[in-house]
Each structure stands twice: as C-alpha cells, then as structure tokens.
Amino acid sequence: MTLEIRNLAFGYGQRSVGENVSLSLASGEVLALLGPNGAGKTTLFKTVLGLLPVRAGDILLDGRPLSAWPRRERAKKIANVPQAHAALFPFTVLEVVLMGRAPHLAPFSSPGARDRRIALDALAGLGMSHLALRPYTEISGGERQMALIARALTQEPTILVMDEPTANLDYGNQMRVLSHVRALAEQGLSVVLSTHNPDHAFLVADRVALLHAAKLVALGLPKDVLTPTALKQLYDIDVVIGSIDGSEARLCAPRLTAPSARKGTDHGSPERNP
C-alpha cells in the first residue's frame, strides 16, 4: 500500500494553509513531519485522511484518487491517531479500542470474539493489558493517548497517520511508542507521524519532511535534512547535532543563551556577611 501526494494545496474553507506539497510514503516506511506550530501539519493530515477536501492537487492511495475510495474501504487502509481525544462517556479502555473494528463490521453488528482478540493483542503490544477494564475517563492523558494508538492498530490498517503521538507521554512511554512504531514498520506498516522533537525523527524515521511557511522546504534522509540551519529556519533556535561515543545514532541539543537582563546584575549573587 502506497500513499502519494502531488502538488497538494490544503486548508479550511477559503483559508489556504499549505500549497505545492508533494511527497510519497512507501510500504514499511516511517516518514516524520516537522514544522513549527501553525505550519499546517494537522491540516495536512486531516486532508490526507479525507476529513478536509483537497483544494488543489492529488492524493493517491495505491494509485487511485483518495476520493475514489469508499469511506469504509478507506478506513480499512488508513488509521488515525489524533493529538487528543475528549473523554465524554465512561467506556472501558477495551471498548474504546474495539471502536477501531468499526470499518470491519456490518451495520448494526457487534464486535465478536475475533475483534475482541485483536483489540486485546493491541493493548498487550503497548503494555496496557492491565487497563483494559478501566473506565477511559479515569486514566491519565498519556494513557488515553496510548489507548488511541491501540484503537488505530485494532483497525488493522496498512497506513498509520500519527499527529504528535508522543506529545502527552512521559519519557518511558515516548520510547515505547517509538519502538513500537519502528517494529510496525518492519512488519510492513507505513507510518507518517508529526513531531516537534528532532531526536524522535533520528530514532525512527526513514525520511523526514520539513513544513514551513505553507511550503514543503525539505524532504530526505534524517541526516541530510535535520541540520542546524534547517532547524534554525523552522524553530528560530540554534542547535548542535552530533553523536555520542562515535555511534551512528544522532542527537540534537539546543544552544541556550542566558537572558540579556541578567548581564551586568548581581541579583543572583548570595548575600555576604559584613
């Protein structure tokens, strides 16, 4: 299953958010999308998911225009992990995850034993089996995000769209999710995810795309795209990129400068006894 975006323009109503965006996603590939707040990452994802109409250009799923796919068939191919999800009703975590089976069920039918097994396997893969019967409204925000990932996997897609999937997770769960993303790609699942953390892209992405000022400004291998110059353009901050102990793994660290207001003052100096 492949996804191809050609000269795409996207936005809300009459408001243009991005234009002339072209990229592709191959089977088993992880593509990381980086860009500052307001760059249009979420709007692009909503357009790819068919939630917003294409303003110009094309989105092709296995060579067919996205609009030519019936909604149910499209939902069997592409699953979404949104940034956040409002918890309004006290469904159990398992019930929320089982909602991912909807595209595979006939109208008005209920999930069966196989659907339940797929949902439980998704929870187990994310280390969440112990939460299966807990009310979704009573678990933490990070745990809810993990449940949404399990729900998407229960959909059994071939393409997974993840909008900042680690944004609400602690450090340990961030690494678990990224490890799971990499493992899913090695099993043939295609993943496109957005992140503000260049280190996450270095860890899991096969390619990186940079979105800035309504344009796709770079696309390529992480080591070629994630440079100090490019990250300065995106986030207006100076960074250092390197490796530890000569390993191939690359890391990004900011160059922090002291606030200018502190210069020439001694407000932070300890008091001296006379």
Foldseek 3Di string as FASTA:
>chain_A
DKKWWAQFWWDPDPDTQATRDTDMWFWLFEEEEEFDPSLCPVRVVCCLLVVGDTPDTAMDDVRHTPVVDDNLRSLLAEFEQDPFDDQDDFDALLVLLLVLCVSVDDPPDDDDPVLSVLLCVLCVLLVRNVRRGGGLVPDDRLVVLSSSVSSRVSSVHQEYEYEASCPPPDPVSVVSVLVVSQVVSVVGRIYYYYHNALLSCLSRGQKYWYGYPNYTPDIGGSVVQPDQVNVCRRPVFGWDKDDPPPDPRIHIDTDDDDPPVPPPDCPVPDDDDD
